[in-house]
Amino acid sequence: MKIMNQTIVLIPAYNPDTKLLVVVNNLSQRGIEKIVVVNDGSKKECSPVFQTLGKNDKVIILEHSINKGQGGSLKTGMDYINFHFPQAVGVVTADADGQHCVKDILRIRDQLLNNPDCFILGVRKFGKEVPSRSRFGNILTSMILRLLFGLRISDTQTGLRGIPGRLIPEFLKVTFNRFEFNTETLLVSRKMKVNILEVPIETIYIENNVSSHFNPVLDSMKIYFAIFRYILASLVTAIADYFVFILAYPFFNEILVSTYTARVFSLFVNYFLLKKMVFYSKEKIWETFPKYIILVFIAGFISASIIYYLNTFFEMNIVLSKIIAEGLLYFAIFIIQREFVFHAQKES
């Protein structure tokens, strides 16, 4: 069956109850042609739910023999859809626990059809009625994404999303398989210069969200690791720069010369790590490298000046002076690189 000018609904399901049946039946009655449900290693007691779903000719059930997590289930479903329905506009993902009402799922579907090149997020309001574990984690992740990557996302962990077809192959490359997958896809979208469109949806938490499989400690750590690995490359390069400086200073006995020796050594490695792993820039080298070089020389001069000032006027140890100078400059340089050197211009 060819699905043209349509979207397919994808629902990862781990130990679902009858609320999943209600959602799927309502969707199939409201014009959704195909619904892919991924049984993510659910317990045997849930078999009647999947058996009932299998009687609906609009439902396709995919099976995991073991639990692979939300991200793993979404990738299984997207891989199937990408192969069997390549002409579909995209995919709308929804949760299986009834926390996404049918009207909101259809609203995201309509937004994706009207904006087939945008990544659509169904965003919730995080008021006092929202469980504290969901509210705190989302606010913190939103702040980190905004500070480090310039992404203004109000609901980073929403499971109700409209994914355009061109993003699916990129999402399938994401290595994370659990809740951190959601955060990773936001960074991939930034890499691909895809506009992110937020659509308000109803905030539903059934029995204080006890059915959620989100572990507020373990899964939050994974989410933040998915974010910070993007700056790990620059930190590794900074460490290399530091050790080259320490080795060069006894040889040259000049702060400025030692600083630039370290900068030159780490120059090319740092540039390609930042371009490919940190900012996912797709600009040409001749567009970004000259700006990068200018920033390196300016930052090197400022760093050397700070080290000289601390070492001369405060008689501070040269090693400690280097640590303080680089620490003061690090986040400023990161922001400049993000905004001006590797800045991803939006497609028109």
Protein backbone atom coordinates (compact mmCIF):
# COMPACT_ATOMS: atom_id res chain seq x y z
CA MET A 1 0.00 0.00 0.00
CA LYS A 2 1.39 3.39 -1.00
CA ILE A 3 1.10 6.15 1.56
CA MET A 4 1.37 9.51 -0.21
CA ASN A 5 0.76 12.89 1.39
CA GLN A 6 0.15 11.00 4.63
CA THR A 7 1.91 10.48 7.92
CA ILE A 8 2.29 7.24 9.81
CA VAL A 9 1.82 7.06 13.56
CA LEU A 10 4.54 5.22 15.48
CA ILE A 11 3.96 4.07 19.07
CA PRO A 12 6.63 2.34 21.17
CA ALA A 13 4.89 0.13 23.73
CA TYR A 14 6.39 -1.45 26.83
CA ASN A 15 3.91 -3.28 29.08
CA PRO A 16 0.89 -1.34 27.78
CA ASP A 17 -2.67 -1.65 29.08
CA THR A 18 -6.04 -1.02 27.46
CA LYS A 19 -5.37 2.73 27.15
CA LEU A 20 -3.26 1.87 24.10
CA LEU A 21 -6.27 0.13 22.52
CA VAL A 22 -8.42 3.22 23.01
CA VAL A 23 -5.84 5.52 21.41
CA VAL A 24 -5.20 3.24 18.43
CA ASN A 25 -8.89 2.63 17.75
CA ASN A 26 -9.66 6.35 17.87
CA LEU A 27 -6.78 7.13 15.53
CA SER A 28 -7.81 4.51 13.00
CA GLN A 29 -11.35 5.91 13.04
CA ARG A 30 -10.09 9.47 12.53
CA GLY A 31 -8.29 8.95 9.22
CA ILE A 32 -4.86 7.56 10.17
CA GLU A 33 -4.08 4.98 7.48
CA LYS A 34 -1.23 3.15 9.17
CA ILE A 35 -0.20 2.81 12.81
CA VAL A 36 3.03 1.02 13.67
CA VAL A 37 3.21 -0.33 17.22
CA VAL A 38 6.52 -1.68 18.54
CA ASN A 39 6.17 -4.27 21.30
CA ASP A 40 9.35 -3.51 23.20
CA GLY A 41 9.79 -6.82 25.01
CA SER A 42 6.58 -6.51 27.03
CA LYS A 43 5.64 -9.14 29.61
CA LYS A 44 3.35 -12.01 28.59
CA GLU A 45 0.43 -10.55 30.53
CA CYS A 46 0.23 -7.83 27.87
CA SER A 47 -0.26 -10.32 25.01
CA PRO A 48 -4.06 -9.80 24.87
CA VAL A 49 -3.50 -6.11 24.15
CA PHE A 50 -1.27 -6.85 21.16
CA GLN A 51 -3.54 -9.63 19.96
CA THR A 52 -6.46 -7.20 19.91
CA LEU A 53 -4.38 -4.62 18.09
CA GLY A 54 -3.45 -7.23 15.49
CA LYS A 55 -7.09 -7.54 14.47
CA ASN A 56 -7.06 -3.95 13.21
CA ASP A 57 -6.00 -3.95 9.56
CA LYS A 58 -4.49 -0.47 9.93
CA VAL A 59 -2.08 -1.62 12.64
CA ILE A 60 1.37 -3.11 12.06
CA ILE A 61 2.97 -4.74 15.10
CA LEU A 62 6.75 -5.10 15.34
CA GLU A 63 8.31 -7.23 18.07
CA HIS A 64 11.40 -6.96 20.27
CA SER A 65 12.28 -10.18 22.08
CA ILE A 66 13.93 -8.10 24.82
CA ASN A 67 13.39 -4.54 25.99
CA LYS A 68 15.51 -2.11 23.95
CA GLY A 69 14.20 1.17 25.33
CA GLN A 70 12.16 3.99 23.88
CA GLY A 71 14.88 5.10 21.47
CA GLY A 72 15.50 1.54 20.28
CA SER A 73 11.79 1.04 19.65
CA LEU A 74 11.50 4.32 17.75
CA LYS A 75 14.45 3.36 15.55
CA THR A 76 12.94 -0.06 14.84
CA GLY A 77 9.68 1.58 13.80
CA MET A 78 11.32 4.32 11.73
CA ASP A 79 13.53 1.80 9.95
CA TYR A 80 10.45 -0.24 9.01
CA ILE A 81 8.53 2.85 7.86
CA ASN A 82 11.49 4.23 5.93
CA PHE A 83 11.76 0.96 3.97
CA HIS A 84 8.08 0.11 3.45
CA PHE A 85 6.58 3.60 3.14
CA PRO A 86 9.27 5.82 1.58
CA GLN A 87 6.67 8.15 0.07
CA ALA A 88 5.13 9.09 3.41
CA VAL A 89 5.58 12.72 4.46
CA GLY A 90 6.90 11.61 7.82
CA VAL A 91 6.20 9.94 11.14
CA VAL A 92 4.22 11.06 14.19
CA THR A 93 5.46 9.41 17.39
CA ALA A 94 3.22 9.07 20.44
CA ASP A 95 3.37 7.38 23.83
CA ALA A 96 1.42 4.21 24.63
CA ASP A 97 0.22 5.21 28.10
CA GLY A 98 -2.62 7.52 27.10
CA GLN A 99 -0.81 10.74 27.97
CA HIS A 100 -1.23 12.01 24.43
CA CYS A 101 -4.85 12.62 23.52
CA VAL A 102 -6.04 11.81 20.02
CA LYS A 103 -6.81 15.41 19.11
CA ASP A 104 -3.21 16.40 19.88
CA ILE A 105 -1.78 13.52 17.87
CA LEU A 106 -3.91 14.64 14.93
CA ARG A 107 -2.83 18.24 15.47
CA ILE A 108 0.82 17.23 15.21
CA ARG A 109 -0.07 15.21 12.10
CA ASP A 110 -1.68 18.27 10.51
CA GLN A 111 1.28 20.49 11.42
CA LEU A 112 3.69 18.02 9.81
CA LEU A 113 1.60 17.86 6.65
CA ASN A 114 1.56 21.67 6.48
CA ASN A 115 5.27 21.96 7.37
CA PRO A 116 6.88 18.83 5.85
CA ASP A 117 10.42 20.18 6.31
CA CYS A 118 10.03 21.00 10.01
CA PHE A 119 10.60 18.91 13.12
CA ILE A 120 7.34 19.27 15.10
CA LEU A 121 7.31 19.02 18.90
CA GLY A 122 4.13 18.71 20.93
CA VAL A 123 5.08 20.70 24.04
CA ARG A 124 3.46 20.54 27.46
CA LYS A 125 3.03 23.26 30.07
CA PHE A 126 5.14 22.63 33.15
CA GLY A 127 3.02 24.06 35.92
CA LYS A 128 2.62 22.93 39.51
CA GLU A 129 0.33 20.08 38.45
CA VAL A 130 3.25 18.40 36.65
CA PRO A 131 5.16 15.81 38.74
CA SER A 132 8.36 17.33 40.11
CA ARG A 133 10.64 14.72 38.52
CA SER A 134 9.30 15.60 35.05
CA ARG A 135 9.28 19.36 35.65
CA PHE A 136 12.79 19.67 37.11
CA GLY A 137 14.49 17.39 34.57
CA ASN A 138 12.90 19.13 31.61
CA ILE A 139 13.69 22.64 32.82
CA LEU A 140 17.34 21.75 33.52
CA THR A 141 17.82 20.06 30.14
CA SER A 142 16.19 23.01 28.36
CA MET A 143 18.60 25.42 30.08
CA ILE A 144 21.63 23.36 29.10
CA LEU A 145 20.54 23.08 25.47
CA ARG A 146 19.91 26.81 25.30
CA LEU A 147 23.20 27.80 26.95
CA LEU A 148 25.51 25.44 25.08
CA PHE A 149 23.82 25.01 21.72
CA GLY A 150 21.43 27.92 21.28
CA LEU A 151 18.41 25.59 21.11
CA ARG A 152 15.31 27.14 22.64
CA ILE A 153 13.22 24.05 23.40
CA SER A 154 10.57 24.22 26.13
CA ASP A 155 9.85 20.46 26.27
CA THR A 156 12.93 18.39 25.47
CA GLN A 157 11.49 15.01 26.44
CA THR A 158 8.09 15.13 24.77
CA GLY A 159 7.20 11.84 23.10
CA LEU A 160 4.69 13.47 20.75
CA ARG A 161 6.70 14.51 17.71
CA GLY A 162 6.28 14.98 13.99
CA ILE A 163 9.41 13.77 12.18
CA PRO A 164 9.87 14.75 8.52
CA GLY A 165 10.98 11.98 6.20
CA ARG A 166 14.39 13.49 5.51
CA LEU A 167 15.33 13.32 9.19
CA ILE A 168 14.58 9.61 9.60
CA PRO A 169 17.88 8.33 8.08
CA GLU A 170 19.80 10.69 10.37
CA PHE A 171 17.84 9.63 13.46
CA LEU A 172 18.57 5.98 12.64
CA LYS A 173 22.28 6.75 13.05
CA VAL A 174 21.83 7.83 16.68
CA THR A 175 23.55 5.28 18.90
CA PHE A 176 21.48 5.91 22.04
CA ASN A 177 18.49 3.65 22.63
CA ARG A 178 16.68 4.99 25.67
CA PHE A 179 15.31 8.33 26.81
CA GLU A 180 18.50 10.18 25.87
CA PHE A 181 17.54 9.43 22.25
CA ASN A 182 15.03 12.31 22.42
CA THR A 183 17.70 14.84 23.35
CA GLU A 184 20.08 13.51 20.73
CA THR A 185 17.51 13.99 17.95
CA LEU A 186 17.24 17.67 18.85
CA LEU A 187 20.98 18.07 18.34
CA VAL A 188 20.84 16.12 15.08
CA SER A 189 18.07 18.45 13.87
CA ARG A 190 20.30 21.41 14.64
CA LYS A 191 23.09 19.76 12.67
CA MET A 192 20.73 19.29 9.71
CA LYS A 193 19.53 22.94 9.98
CA VAL A 194 15.94 21.77 10.33
CA ASN A 195 13.51 24.27 11.84
CA ILE A 196 11.93 23.04 15.08
CA LEU A 197 8.29 24.00 15.46
CA GLU A 198 6.68 23.81 18.90
CA VAL A 199 2.94 23.11 19.15
CA PRO A 200 1.16 23.36 22.54
CA ILE A 201 -0.60 20.18 23.62
CA GLU A 202 -2.69 19.13 26.59
CA THR A 203 -0.70 18.17 29.68
CA ILE A 204 -1.93 14.79 30.94
CA TYR A 205 -0.39 12.91 33.85
CA ILE A 206 -2.31 9.80 34.86
CA GLU A 207 -1.94 8.89 38.57
CA ASN A 208 1.02 11.27 38.93
CA ASN A 209 2.76 9.60 35.98
CA VAL A 210 3.35 6.31 37.80
CA SER A 211 3.23 4.40 34.50
CA SER A 212 6.30 6.23 33.18
CA HIS A 213 9.42 4.10 32.73
CA PHE A 214 11.63 7.19 33.06
CA ASN A 215 14.19 6.85 35.85
CA PRO A 216 14.78 10.43 37.09
CA VAL A 217 18.37 9.72 38.17
CA LEU A 218 19.76 7.18 35.73
CA ASP A 219 18.00 8.44 32.59
CA SER A 220 18.75 12.09 33.39
CA MET A 221 22.45 11.23 33.63
CA LYS A 222 22.28 9.57 30.23
CA ILE A 223 20.52 12.59 28.74
CA TYR A 224 23.15 14.99 30.05
CA PHE A 225 25.94 12.73 28.85
CA ALA A 226 24.41 12.83 25.39
CA ILE A 227 24.69 16.62 25.58
CA PHE A 228 28.15 16.98 27.11
CA ARG A 229 29.82 14.52 24.80
CA TYR A 230 29.53 17.28 22.21
CA ILE A 231 31.92 19.47 24.20
CA LEU A 232 34.18 16.58 25.20
CA ALA A 233 36.16 16.99 21.98
CA SER A 234 37.05 20.59 22.81
CA LEU A 235 37.96 19.66 26.38
CA VAL A 236 40.31 16.91 25.15
CA THR A 237 41.94 19.39 22.80
CA ALA A 238 42.27 21.91 25.64
CA ILE A 239 44.10 19.29 27.71
CA ALA A 240 46.46 18.58 24.81
CA ASP A 241 47.03 22.31 24.38
CA TYR A 242 47.82 22.59 28.08
CA PHE A 243 50.45 19.82 28.05
CA VAL A 244 52.14 21.17 24.92
CA PHE A 245 52.35 24.57 26.62
CA ILE A 246 53.93 23.02 29.71
CA LEU A 247 56.48 21.19 27.55
CA ALA A 248 57.22 24.22 25.39
CA TYR A 249 57.67 26.82 28.13
CA PRO A 250 60.93 25.41 29.61
CA PHE A 251 62.34 25.21 26.07
CA PHE A 252 61.36 28.70 24.83
CA ASN A 253 61.07 30.43 28.24
CA GLU A 254 58.58 32.79 26.60
CA ILE A 255 54.89 32.82 27.48
CA LEU A 256 53.65 34.14 24.14
CA VAL A 257 55.76 31.77 22.04
CA SER A 258 54.80 28.80 24.20
CA THR A 259 51.13 29.71 23.94
CA TYR A 260 51.18 29.89 20.15
CA THR A 261 53.24 26.69 19.90
CA ALA A 262 50.50 24.88 21.82
CA ARG A 263 47.82 26.54 19.69
CA VAL A 264 49.47 25.52 16.41
CA PHE A 265 49.92 21.93 17.58
CA SER A 266 46.26 21.53 18.47
CA LEU A 267 44.93 23.80 15.72
CA PHE A 268 43.89 21.35 13.03
CA VAL A 269 42.81 18.54 15.34
CA ASN A 270 40.68 20.95 17.34
CA TYR A 271 39.11 22.46 14.26
CA PHE A 272 37.93 19.17 12.78
CA LEU A 273 36.71 17.83 16.13
CA LEU A 274 34.66 20.97 16.69
CA LYS A 275 33.30 21.01 13.16
CA LYS A 276 32.34 17.33 13.00
CA MET A 277 31.57 16.34 16.59
CA VAL A 278 30.62 19.46 18.51
CA PHE A 279 28.76 21.82 16.23
CA TYR A 280 27.96 19.47 13.34
CA SER A 281 28.69 22.27 10.91
CA LYS A 282 28.02 21.56 7.24
CA GLU A 283 29.62 24.79 6.01
CA LYS A 284 32.62 24.56 3.73
CA ILE A 285 36.08 24.62 5.26
CA TRP A 286 36.96 27.89 3.53
CA GLU A 287 33.90 29.48 5.14
CA THR A 288 34.70 28.48 8.71
CA PHE A 289 38.46 27.95 8.90
CA PRO A 290 39.51 31.60 8.39
CA LYS A 291 37.14 32.69 11.18
CA TYR A 292 38.46 29.89 13.35
CA ILE A 293 42.07 30.96 12.76
CA ILE A 294 41.29 34.56 13.66
CA LEU A 295 39.60 33.46 16.88
CA VAL A 296 42.55 31.21 17.77
CA PHE A 297 45.05 34.05 17.44
CA ILE A 298 42.90 36.51 19.36
CA ALA A 299 42.21 33.97 22.10
CA GLY A 300 45.90 33.08 22.24
CA PHE A 301 46.89 36.72 22.67
CA ILE A 302 44.30 37.27 25.41
CA SER A 303 45.30 34.06 27.17
CA ALA A 304 48.99 34.96 27.06
CA SER A 305 48.19 38.45 28.39
CA ILE A 306 46.22 37.04 31.32
CA ILE A 307 48.98 34.52 32.13
CA TYR A 308 51.62 37.26 31.95
CA TYR A 309 49.57 39.56 34.18
CA LEU A 310 48.94 36.88 36.80
CA ASN A 311 52.53 35.65 36.73
CA THR A 312 54.13 39.10 36.81
CA PHE A 313 51.92 41.18 39.08
CA PHE A 314 50.57 38.45 41.37
CA GLU A 315 53.66 36.21 41.18
CA MET A 316 51.35 33.30 40.50
CA ASN A 317 52.77 29.96 39.42
CA ILE A 318 52.85 29.72 35.62
CA VAL A 319 50.89 26.46 35.58
CA LEU A 320 48.12 27.87 37.78
CA SER A 321 48.09 31.05 35.69
CA LYS A 322 47.51 28.96 32.56
CA ILE A 323 44.61 27.06 34.16
CA ILE A 324 42.91 30.29 35.29
CA ALA A 325 43.38 32.00 31.91
CA GLU A 326 41.97 29.11 29.93
CA GLY A 327 39.12 28.65 32.38
CA LEU A 328 38.07 32.28 32.05
CA LEU A 329 38.12 32.10 28.26
CA TYR A 330 36.64 28.65 27.69
CA PHE A 331 32.91 29.34 27.72
CA ALA A 332 33.30 32.70 25.98
CA ILE A 333 35.18 31.00 23.14
CA PHE A 334 32.61 28.21 23.00
CA ILE A 335 29.77 30.69 22.51
CA ILE A 336 31.72 32.66 19.88
CA GLN A 337 32.45 29.44 17.99
CA ARG A 338 28.80 28.42 18.14
CA GLU A 339 27.40 31.79 17.06
CA PHE A 340 29.97 33.11 14.58
CA VAL A 341 32.47 30.45 13.47
CA PHE A 342 30.37 27.30 13.03
CA HIS A 343 27.00 28.97 13.05
CA ALA A 344 24.40 26.89 11.19
CA GLN A 345 22.44 29.21 8.92
CA LYS A 346 18.83 28.20 8.55
CA GLU A 347 17.69 27.06 5.17
CA SER A 348 15.33 29.40 3.39
